[in-house]
Amino acid sequence: MTVGPLFPPERLAALRSGDLADVRAALAGLPRAELAAWLATSEGEAVLRTVFERMPERYTGGPMDGQQTARWVVEREPAETLAYDLVLTEDNCEVRRTGTSGEPTVTLTLDAVSFVEMASAAAQGMDLLLQGRLQIQGDVHLAVRMESLFGLAAPGEPG
């Protein structure tokens, strides 16, 4: 088991809350290396898994050309990489283990800190892409729509 930094209970509660504003507040001022080390622990893994499990609740949907699969690959050095498939339709999102949904339409690969930043709208996917922290393989148009499909697009951005 990997041991990471110990965070105050308030910060841990905010990181676990799933509330976007609380998560962003918990991330503020937190050194990236400390968050990465914590996300590599079993406790950090549990939070990442919860983010994926809750994605269907945040799904806003939208026009879709049939069923699409978005594979998310979240790297947690030195811990095991997490990967999930999101099977998307116009009005439904289903989270599946990778390999159970066929070939993905798009694969998004990023480090765990960048994933948490993007999932909480603390960072935008385009910024992460330009910084080299997000890699996209496959349908770039679907990748670009991910934030709007989950209600995470920055104010004023197209959905």
N, C-alpha and C. Protein backbone atom coordinates (compact mmCIF):
# COMPACT_ATOMS: atom_id res chain seq x y z
N MET A 1 0.85 -1.19 0.00
CA MET A 1 0.00 0.00 0.00
C MET A 1 0.88 1.24 0.00
N THR A 2 0.56 2.18 -0.87
CA THR A 2 1.30 3.43 -0.97
C THR A 2 0.84 4.38 0.12
N VAL A 3 1.81 5.03 0.77
CA VAL A 3 1.47 6.01 1.80
C VAL A 3 1.76 7.39 1.24
N GLY A 4 0.77 8.26 1.29
CA GLY A 4 0.92 9.61 0.78
C GLY A 4 0.85 10.61 1.90
N PRO A 5 0.76 11.89 1.56
CA PRO A 5 0.68 12.93 2.58
C PRO A 5 -0.62 12.83 3.36
N LEU A 6 -0.58 13.35 4.56
CA LEU A 6 -1.79 13.41 5.39
C LEU A 6 -2.37 14.81 5.25
N PHE A 7 -3.64 14.86 4.90
CA PHE A 7 -4.32 16.14 4.75
C PHE A 7 -5.22 16.36 5.95
N PRO A 8 -5.47 17.63 6.30
CA PRO A 8 -6.41 17.92 7.38
C PRO A 8 -7.79 17.33 7.03
N PRO A 9 -8.56 16.95 8.04
CA PRO A 9 -9.88 16.34 7.80
C PRO A 9 -10.80 17.19 6.92
N GLU A 10 -10.73 18.53 7.05
CA GLU A 10 -11.59 19.40 6.25
C GLU A 10 -11.25 19.28 4.77
N ARG A 11 -9.94 19.21 4.46
CA ARG A 11 -9.52 19.10 3.06
C ARG A 11 -9.94 17.75 2.50
N LEU A 12 -9.75 16.68 3.29
CA LEU A 12 -10.16 15.35 2.85
C LEU A 12 -11.66 15.31 2.59
N ALA A 13 -12.44 15.88 3.48
CA ALA A 13 -13.89 15.89 3.33
C ALA A 13 -14.29 16.63 2.05
N ALA A 14 -13.62 17.73 1.78
CA ALA A 14 -13.93 18.50 0.57
C ALA A 14 -13.55 17.72 -0.69
N LEU A 15 -12.39 17.05 -0.68
CA LEU A 15 -11.96 16.26 -1.83
C LEU A 15 -12.93 15.10 -2.09
N ARG A 16 -13.48 14.53 -1.03
CA ARG A 16 -14.40 13.39 -1.15
C ARG A 16 -15.83 13.82 -1.46
N SER A 17 -16.15 15.09 -1.26
CA SER A 17 -17.54 15.54 -1.29
C SER A 17 -18.24 15.38 -2.64
N GLY A 18 -17.50 15.53 -3.72
CA GLY A 18 -18.12 15.50 -5.04
C GLY A 18 -18.72 16.85 -5.43
N ASP A 19 -18.80 17.78 -4.49
CA ASP A 19 -19.29 19.13 -4.79
C ASP A 19 -18.17 19.89 -5.50
N LEU A 20 -18.45 20.37 -6.69
CA LEU A 20 -17.40 21.00 -7.50
C LEU A 20 -16.73 22.17 -6.80
N ALA A 21 -17.51 23.04 -6.17
CA ALA A 21 -16.93 24.20 -5.49
C ALA A 21 -16.06 23.76 -4.32
N ASP A 22 -16.50 22.75 -3.56
CA ASP A 22 -15.72 22.25 -2.43
C ASP A 22 -14.41 21.62 -2.90
N VAL A 23 -14.48 20.85 -3.98
CA VAL A 23 -13.27 20.20 -4.50
C VAL A 23 -12.29 21.27 -4.99
N ARG A 24 -12.80 22.26 -5.73
CA ARG A 24 -11.91 23.34 -6.21
C ARG A 24 -11.27 24.07 -5.03
N ALA A 25 -12.03 24.32 -3.97
CA ALA A 25 -11.48 24.99 -2.79
C ALA A 25 -10.39 24.13 -2.15
N ALA A 26 -10.61 22.81 -2.10
CA ALA A 26 -9.62 21.91 -1.50
C ALA A 26 -8.35 21.87 -2.34
N LEU A 27 -8.48 22.04 -3.64
CA LEU A 27 -7.31 22.01 -4.53
C LEU A 27 -6.50 23.30 -4.45
N ALA A 28 -7.15 24.40 -4.12
CA ALA A 28 -6.49 25.71 -4.08
C ALA A 28 -5.31 25.69 -3.11
N GLY A 29 -4.16 26.05 -3.61
CA GLY A 29 -2.97 26.14 -2.78
C GLY A 29 -2.34 24.80 -2.43
N LEU A 30 -2.91 23.71 -2.90
CA LEU A 30 -2.36 22.39 -2.60
C LEU A 30 -1.26 22.08 -3.61
N PRO A 31 -0.04 21.83 -3.15
CA PRO A 31 1.03 21.52 -4.10
C PRO A 31 0.69 20.29 -4.94
N ARG A 32 0.93 20.41 -6.23
CA ARG A 32 0.61 19.34 -7.18
C ARG A 32 1.25 18.01 -6.78
N ALA A 33 2.49 18.05 -6.32
CA ALA A 33 3.20 16.82 -5.95
C ALA A 33 2.51 16.13 -4.76
N GLU A 34 2.02 16.91 -3.81
CA GLU A 34 1.33 16.32 -2.65
C GLU A 34 0.02 15.68 -3.08
N LEU A 35 -0.73 16.35 -3.94
CA LEU A 35 -1.98 15.78 -4.41
C LEU A 35 -1.72 14.51 -5.22
N ALA A 36 -0.70 14.53 -6.07
CA ALA A 36 -0.36 13.34 -6.86
C ALA A 36 0.01 12.18 -5.95
N ALA A 37 0.79 12.45 -4.90
CA ALA A 37 1.17 11.39 -3.97
C ALA A 37 -0.06 10.82 -3.25
N TRP A 38 -0.99 11.70 -2.87
CA TRP A 38 -2.19 11.23 -2.18
C TRP A 38 -3.08 10.43 -3.13
N LEU A 39 -3.21 10.88 -4.38
CA LEU A 39 -4.04 10.16 -5.35
C LEU A 39 -3.48 8.79 -5.68
N ALA A 40 -2.19 8.56 -5.39
CA ALA A 40 -1.57 7.25 -5.61
C ALA A 40 -1.82 6.30 -4.44
N THR A 41 -2.46 6.79 -3.36
CA THR A 41 -2.77 5.93 -2.22
C THR A 41 -4.11 5.23 -2.45
N SER A 42 -4.41 4.27 -1.60
CA SER A 42 -5.70 3.58 -1.71
C SER A 42 -6.85 4.54 -1.44
N GLU A 43 -6.66 5.49 -0.54
CA GLU A 43 -7.69 6.49 -0.26
C GLU A 43 -7.93 7.39 -1.49
N GLY A 44 -6.85 7.80 -2.12
CA GLY A 44 -6.96 8.61 -3.33
C GLY A 44 -7.61 7.82 -4.46
N GLU A 45 -7.27 6.55 -4.58
CA GLU A 45 -7.89 5.70 -5.60
C GLU A 45 -9.40 5.60 -5.38
N ALA A 46 -9.80 5.47 -4.13
CA ALA A 46 -11.24 5.39 -3.83
C ALA A 46 -11.96 6.66 -4.27
N VAL A 47 -11.34 7.81 -4.08
CA VAL A 47 -11.96 9.07 -4.51
C VAL A 47 -12.05 9.11 -6.03
N LEU A 48 -11.02 8.69 -6.72
CA LEU A 48 -11.05 8.68 -8.19
C LEU A 48 -12.15 7.74 -8.69
N ARG A 49 -12.27 6.57 -8.08
CA ARG A 49 -13.31 5.63 -8.49
C ARG A 49 -14.71 6.23 -8.25
N THR A 50 -14.86 6.95 -7.16
CA THR A 50 -16.14 7.60 -6.87
C THR A 50 -16.47 8.65 -7.92
N VAL A 51 -15.47 9.38 -8.38
CA VAL A 51 -15.70 10.38 -9.44
C VAL A 51 -16.29 9.68 -10.66
N PHE A 52 -15.70 8.55 -11.04
CA PHE A 52 -16.23 7.83 -12.21
C PHE A 52 -17.64 7.31 -11.94
N GLU A 53 -17.88 6.74 -10.78
CA GLU A 53 -19.20 6.20 -10.44
C GLU A 53 -20.29 7.28 -10.49
N ARG A 54 -19.91 8.52 -10.17
CA ARG A 54 -20.89 9.61 -10.12
C ARG A 54 -21.06 10.33 -11.46
N MET A 55 -20.27 9.97 -12.46
CA MET A 55 -20.36 10.66 -13.75
C MET A 55 -21.76 10.58 -14.36
N PRO A 56 -22.47 9.46 -14.29
CA PRO A 56 -23.83 9.45 -14.86
C PRO A 56 -24.76 10.50 -14.24
N GLU A 57 -24.56 10.84 -12.97
CA GLU A 57 -25.38 11.86 -12.31
C GLU A 57 -25.14 13.24 -12.91
N ARG A 58 -23.92 13.50 -13.37
CA ARG A 58 -23.55 14.81 -13.92
C ARG A 58 -23.81 14.91 -15.42
N TYR A 59 -24.12 13.79 -16.06
CA TYR A 59 -24.25 13.77 -17.51
C TYR A 59 -25.45 14.59 -17.96
N THR A 60 -25.20 15.57 -18.84
CA THR A 60 -26.26 16.41 -19.36
C THR A 60 -26.72 15.96 -20.73
N GLY A 61 -25.90 15.13 -21.39
CA GLY A 61 -26.26 14.60 -22.69
C GLY A 61 -26.24 15.64 -23.79
N GLY A 62 -26.75 15.24 -24.93
CA GLY A 62 -26.80 16.12 -26.07
C GLY A 62 -26.77 15.30 -27.34
N PRO A 63 -26.85 15.96 -28.49
CA PRO A 63 -26.85 15.25 -29.76
C PRO A 63 -25.63 14.34 -29.88
N MET A 64 -25.87 13.12 -30.33
CA MET A 64 -24.81 12.13 -30.41
C MET A 64 -25.09 11.27 -31.64
N ASP A 65 -24.07 10.97 -32.39
CA ASP A 65 -24.21 10.13 -33.59
C ASP A 65 -24.13 8.67 -33.17
N GLY A 66 -25.22 8.18 -32.54
CA GLY A 66 -25.23 6.80 -32.03
C GLY A 66 -24.43 6.68 -30.75
N GLN A 67 -24.31 5.47 -30.28
CA GLN A 67 -23.57 5.21 -29.03
C GLN A 67 -22.09 5.46 -29.25
N GLN A 68 -21.47 6.15 -28.30
CA GLN A 68 -20.04 6.48 -28.36
C GLN A 68 -19.39 6.01 -27.06
N THR A 69 -18.15 5.54 -27.16
CA THR A 69 -17.42 5.13 -25.97
C THR A 69 -16.20 6.01 -25.78
N ALA A 70 -16.13 6.67 -24.62
CA ALA A 70 -14.98 7.49 -24.25
C ALA A 70 -14.19 6.74 -23.19
N ARG A 71 -12.98 6.36 -23.51
CA ARG A 71 -12.12 5.67 -22.54
C ARG A 71 -11.26 6.70 -21.83
N TRP A 72 -11.30 6.64 -20.51
CA TRP A 72 -10.49 7.52 -19.67
C TRP A 72 -9.38 6.69 -19.05
N VAL A 73 -8.14 7.13 -19.22
CA VAL A 73 -6.97 6.46 -18.65
C VAL A 73 -6.32 7.47 -17.71
N VAL A 74 -6.35 7.15 -16.41
CA VAL A 74 -5.84 8.07 -15.38
C VAL A 74 -4.59 7.45 -14.77
N GLU A 75 -3.46 8.10 -15.03
CA GLU A 75 -2.16 7.60 -14.56
C GLU A 75 -1.86 8.10 -13.16
N ARG A 76 -1.43 7.15 -12.29
CA ARG A 76 -1.17 7.47 -10.88
C ARG A 76 0.20 6.93 -10.47
N GLU A 77 1.24 7.56 -10.92
CA GLU A 77 2.60 7.08 -10.58
C GLU A 77 2.84 7.19 -9.09
N PRO A 78 3.40 6.22 -8.43
CA PRO A 78 3.86 4.94 -8.93
C PRO A 78 2.77 3.86 -8.85
N ALA A 79 1.56 4.25 -8.54
CA ALA A 79 0.46 3.29 -8.37
C ALA A 79 -0.11 2.87 -9.72
N GLU A 80 -1.01 1.92 -9.67
CA GLU A 80 -1.65 1.39 -10.86
C GLU A 80 -2.52 2.43 -11.56
N THR A 81 -2.49 2.41 -12.87
CA THR A 81 -3.33 3.29 -13.69
C THR A 81 -4.79 2.84 -13.58
N LEU A 82 -5.70 3.80 -13.52
CA LEU A 82 -7.13 3.49 -13.54
C LEU A 82 -7.66 3.78 -14.93
N ALA A 83 -8.55 2.93 -15.43
CA ALA A 83 -9.15 3.16 -16.74
C ALA A 83 -10.60 2.73 -16.69
N TYR A 84 -11.45 3.58 -17.26
CA TYR A 84 -12.89 3.31 -17.35
C TYR A 84 -13.39 3.72 -18.71
N ASP A 85 -14.42 3.03 -19.17
CA ASP A 85 -15.12 3.41 -20.38
C ASP A 85 -16.43 4.08 -19.98
N LEU A 86 -16.73 5.20 -20.63
CA LEU A 86 -18.03 5.84 -20.49
C LEU A 86 -18.76 5.60 -21.80
N VAL A 87 -19.85 4.86 -21.72
CA VAL A 87 -20.65 4.58 -22.90
C VAL A 87 -21.75 5.64 -22.93
N LEU A 88 -21.71 6.47 -23.97
CA LEU A 88 -22.56 7.66 -24.06
C LEU A 88 -23.58 7.54 -25.17
N THR A 89 -24.80 7.96 -24.86
CA THR A 89 -25.84 8.14 -25.86
C THR A 89 -26.37 9.56 -25.66
N GLU A 90 -27.39 9.93 -26.43
CA GLU A 90 -27.91 11.30 -26.31
C GLU A 90 -28.36 11.64 -24.90
N ASP A 91 -28.90 10.66 -24.17
CA ASP A 91 -29.43 10.98 -22.84
C ASP A 91 -28.98 10.02 -21.74
N ASN A 92 -27.93 9.24 -22.00
CA ASN A 92 -27.50 8.28 -20.98
C ASN A 92 -25.98 8.13 -20.98
N CYS A 93 -25.44 7.92 -19.78
CA CYS A 93 -24.02 7.67 -19.59
C CYS A 93 -23.90 6.44 -18.71
N GLU A 94 -23.17 5.46 -19.17
CA GLU A 94 -22.95 4.24 -18.39
C GLU A 94 -21.46 4.06 -18.20
N VAL A 95 -21.03 3.83 -16.95
CA VAL A 95 -19.63 3.62 -16.64
C VAL A 95 -19.37 2.11 -16.67
N ARG A 96 -18.35 1.71 -17.41
CA ARG A 96 -18.00 0.29 -17.53
C ARG A 96 -16.50 0.10 -17.35
N ARG A 97 -16.14 -1.12 -16.96
CA ARG A 97 -14.72 -1.46 -16.95
C ARG A 97 -14.21 -1.44 -18.38
N THR A 98 -12.96 -1.09 -18.58
CA THR A 98 -12.41 -1.08 -19.93
C THR A 98 -12.40 -2.51 -20.46
N GLY A 99 -12.56 -2.61 -21.76
CA GLY A 99 -12.55 -3.92 -22.40
C GLY A 99 -13.91 -4.58 -22.50
N THR A 100 -14.94 -3.98 -21.89
CA THR A 100 -16.28 -4.56 -21.95
C THR A 100 -17.17 -3.80 -22.92
N SER A 101 -16.63 -2.79 -23.58
CA SER A 101 -17.43 -1.93 -24.44
C SER A 101 -16.93 -1.88 -25.87
N GLY A 102 -16.04 -2.77 -26.23
CA GLY A 102 -15.46 -2.73 -27.58
C GLY A 102 -14.42 -1.63 -27.67
N GLU A 103 -14.05 -1.30 -28.89
CA GLU A 103 -13.05 -0.26 -29.11
C GLU A 103 -13.64 1.11 -28.79
N PRO A 104 -12.87 1.95 -28.09
CA PRO A 104 -13.39 3.29 -27.78
C PRO A 104 -13.41 4.20 -29.00
N THR A 105 -14.36 5.14 -28.99
CA THR A 105 -14.43 6.18 -30.01
C THR A 105 -13.28 7.16 -29.80
N VAL A 106 -12.99 7.43 -28.52
CA VAL A 106 -11.90 8.34 -28.15
C VAL A 106 -11.28 7.83 -26.86
N THR A 107 -9.97 8.03 -26.73
CA THR A 107 -9.27 7.71 -25.49
C THR A 107 -8.62 8.99 -24.98
N LEU A 108 -8.91 9.31 -23.71
CA LEU A 108 -8.33 10.49 -23.07
C LEU A 108 -7.39 9.99 -21.97
N THR A 109 -6.12 10.35 -22.06
CA THR A 109 -5.11 9.91 -21.10
C THR A 109 -4.55 11.13 -20.39
N LEU A 110 -4.54 11.08 -19.06
CA LEU A 110 -4.00 12.19 -18.28
C LEU A 110 -3.59 11.70 -16.90
N ASP A 111 -2.79 12.50 -16.23
CA ASP A 111 -2.37 12.15 -14.87
C ASP A 111 -3.52 12.41 -13.91
N ALA A 112 -3.45 11.80 -12.73
CA ALA A 112 -4.56 11.86 -11.77
C ALA A 112 -4.87 13.28 -11.33
N VAL A 113 -3.86 14.11 -11.12
CA VAL A 113 -4.10 15.49 -10.69
C VAL A 113 -4.86 16.24 -11.78
N SER A 114 -4.43 16.09 -13.02
CA SER A 114 -5.13 16.77 -14.12
C SER A 114 -6.56 16.28 -14.25
N PHE A 115 -6.78 14.98 -14.03
CA PHE A 115 -8.14 14.43 -14.07
C PHE A 115 -9.02 15.08 -13.01
N VAL A 116 -8.52 15.19 -11.78
CA VAL A 116 -9.30 15.81 -10.70
C VAL A 116 -9.56 17.28 -11.03
N GLU A 117 -8.55 17.97 -11.55
CA GLU A 117 -8.74 19.37 -11.92
C GLU A 117 -9.81 19.52 -13.00
N MET A 118 -9.78 18.65 -14.00
CA MET A 118 -10.76 18.73 -15.08
C MET A 118 -12.15 18.32 -14.58
N ALA A 119 -12.23 17.27 -13.78
CA ALA A 119 -13.53 16.77 -13.29
C ALA A 119 -14.20 17.75 -12.33
N SER A 120 -13.42 18.63 -11.72
CA SER A 120 -13.99 19.62 -10.80
C SER A 120 -14.10 21.00 -11.45
N ALA A 121 -13.75 21.09 -12.73
CA ALA A 121 -13.76 22.35 -13.47
C ALA A 121 -12.75 23.35 -12.91
N ALA A 122 -11.71 22.85 -12.23
CA ALA A 122 -10.63 23.72 -11.77
C ALA A 122 -9.67 24.02 -12.92
N ALA A 123 -9.68 23.16 -13.93
CA ALA A 123 -8.88 23.36 -15.14
C ALA A 123 -9.71 22.91 -16.33
N GLN A 124 -9.51 23.55 -17.45
CA GLN A 124 -10.23 23.21 -18.67
C GLN A 124 -9.41 22.23 -19.50
N GLY A 125 -10.10 21.31 -20.15
CA GLY A 125 -9.45 20.30 -20.96
C GLY A 125 -8.54 20.88 -22.03
N MET A 126 -8.96 21.96 -22.68
CA MET A 126 -8.14 22.56 -23.74
C MET A 126 -6.82 23.07 -23.16
N ASP A 127 -6.87 23.65 -21.96
CA ASP A 127 -5.63 24.10 -21.31
C ASP A 127 -4.73 22.92 -21.00
N LEU A 128 -5.31 21.84 -20.48
CA LEU A 128 -4.53 20.64 -20.16
C LEU A 128 -3.91 20.05 -21.43
N LEU A 129 -4.66 20.07 -22.52
CA LEU A 129 -4.16 19.58 -23.80
C LEU A 129 -2.97 20.42 -24.26
N LEU A 130 -3.12 21.74 -24.21
CA LEU A 130 -2.06 22.63 -24.65
C LEU A 130 -0.81 22.54 -23.77
N GLN A 131 -1.00 22.17 -22.50
CA GLN A 131 0.12 22.01 -21.57
C GLN A 131 0.76 20.62 -21.69
N GLY A 132 0.19 19.76 -22.52
CA GLY A 132 0.73 18.41 -22.68
C GLY A 132 0.33 17.46 -21.57
N ARG A 133 -0.63 17.84 -20.75
CA ARG A 133 -1.06 17.00 -19.63
C ARG A 133 -2.25 16.12 -19.99
N LEU A 134 -2.85 16.33 -21.15
CA LEU A 134 -3.96 15.53 -21.66
C LEU A 134 -3.60 15.09 -23.08
N GLN A 135 -3.71 13.78 -23.31
CA GLN A 135 -3.49 13.24 -24.64
C GLN A 135 -4.81 12.66 -25.14
N ILE A 136 -5.09 12.87 -26.43
CA ILE A 136 -6.33 12.42 -27.04
C ILE A 136 -5.99 11.54 -28.23
N GLN A 137 -6.63 10.36 -28.28
CA GLN A 137 -6.53 9.49 -29.44
C GLN A 137 -7.94 9.18 -29.91
N GLY A 138 -8.18 9.33 -31.20
CA GLY A 138 -9.50 9.02 -31.74
C GLY A 138 -10.28 10.28 -32.05
N ASP A 139 -11.57 10.26 -31.78
CA ASP A 139 -12.51 11.33 -32.14
C ASP A 139 -12.28 12.58 -31.29
N VAL A 140 -11.51 13.51 -31.84
CA VAL A 140 -11.17 14.74 -31.12
C VAL A 140 -12.43 15.57 -30.86
N HIS A 141 -13.38 15.56 -31.80
CA HIS A 141 -14.61 16.32 -31.60
C HIS A 141 -15.35 15.85 -30.35
N LEU A 142 -15.44 14.54 -30.14
CA LEU A 142 -16.09 14.02 -28.93
C LEU A 142 -15.29 14.41 -27.70
N ALA A 143 -13.97 14.34 -27.78
CA ALA A 143 -13.12 14.73 -26.64
C ALA A 143 -13.36 16.17 -26.24
N VAL A 144 -13.45 17.05 -27.24
CA VAL A 144 -13.66 18.48 -26.98
C VAL A 144 -15.02 18.72 -26.32
N ARG A 145 -15.99 17.87 -26.59
CA ARG A 145 -17.34 18.02 -26.03
C ARG A 145 -17.47 17.47 -24.60
N MET A 146 -16.50 16.72 -24.13
CA MET A 146 -16.62 16.05 -22.83
C MET A 146 -17.06 16.99 -21.70
N GLU A 147 -16.42 18.13 -21.58
CA GLU A 147 -16.76 19.04 -20.47
C GLU A 147 -18.20 19.51 -20.56
N SER A 148 -18.65 19.85 -21.77
CA SER A 148 -20.03 20.32 -21.88
C SER A 148 -21.02 19.19 -21.63
N LEU A 149 -20.67 17.96 -21.99
CA LEU A 149 -21.56 16.81 -21.75
C LEU A 149 -21.75 16.53 -20.27
N PHE A 150 -20.82 17.02 -19.44
CA PHE A 150 -20.89 16.80 -18.00
C PHE A 150 -21.08 18.10 -17.22
N GLY A 151 -21.49 19.17 -17.92
CA GLY A 151 -21.77 20.43 -17.24
C GLY A 151 -20.55 21.10 -16.67
N LEU A 152 -19.37 20.89 -17.29
CA LEU A 152 -18.13 21.44 -16.75
C LEU A 152 -17.52 22.53 -17.63
N ALA A 153 -18.17 22.88 -18.72
CA ALA A 153 -17.61 23.89 -19.62
C ALA A 153 -17.54 25.23 -18.87
N ALA A 154 -16.48 25.97 -19.16
CA ALA A 154 -16.34 27.29 -18.54
C ALA A 154 -17.46 28.19 -18.99
N PRO A 155 -17.89 29.13 -18.16
CA PRO A 155 -18.95 30.05 -18.56
C PRO A 155 -18.60 30.73 -19.88
N GLY A 156 -19.58 30.76 -20.78
CA GLY A 156 -19.38 31.40 -22.07
C GLY A 156 -18.82 30.47 -23.13
N GLU A 157 -18.40 29.25 -22.76
CA GLU A 157 -17.89 28.31 -23.75
C GLU A 157 -19.04 27.60 -24.42
N PRO A 158 -18.88 27.25 -25.68
CA PRO A 158 -19.95 26.53 -26.37
C PRO A 158 -20.12 25.13 -25.80
N GLY A 159 -21.34 24.62 -25.83
CA GLY A 159 -21.61 23.30 -25.29
C GLY A 159 -21.62 22.23 -26.28
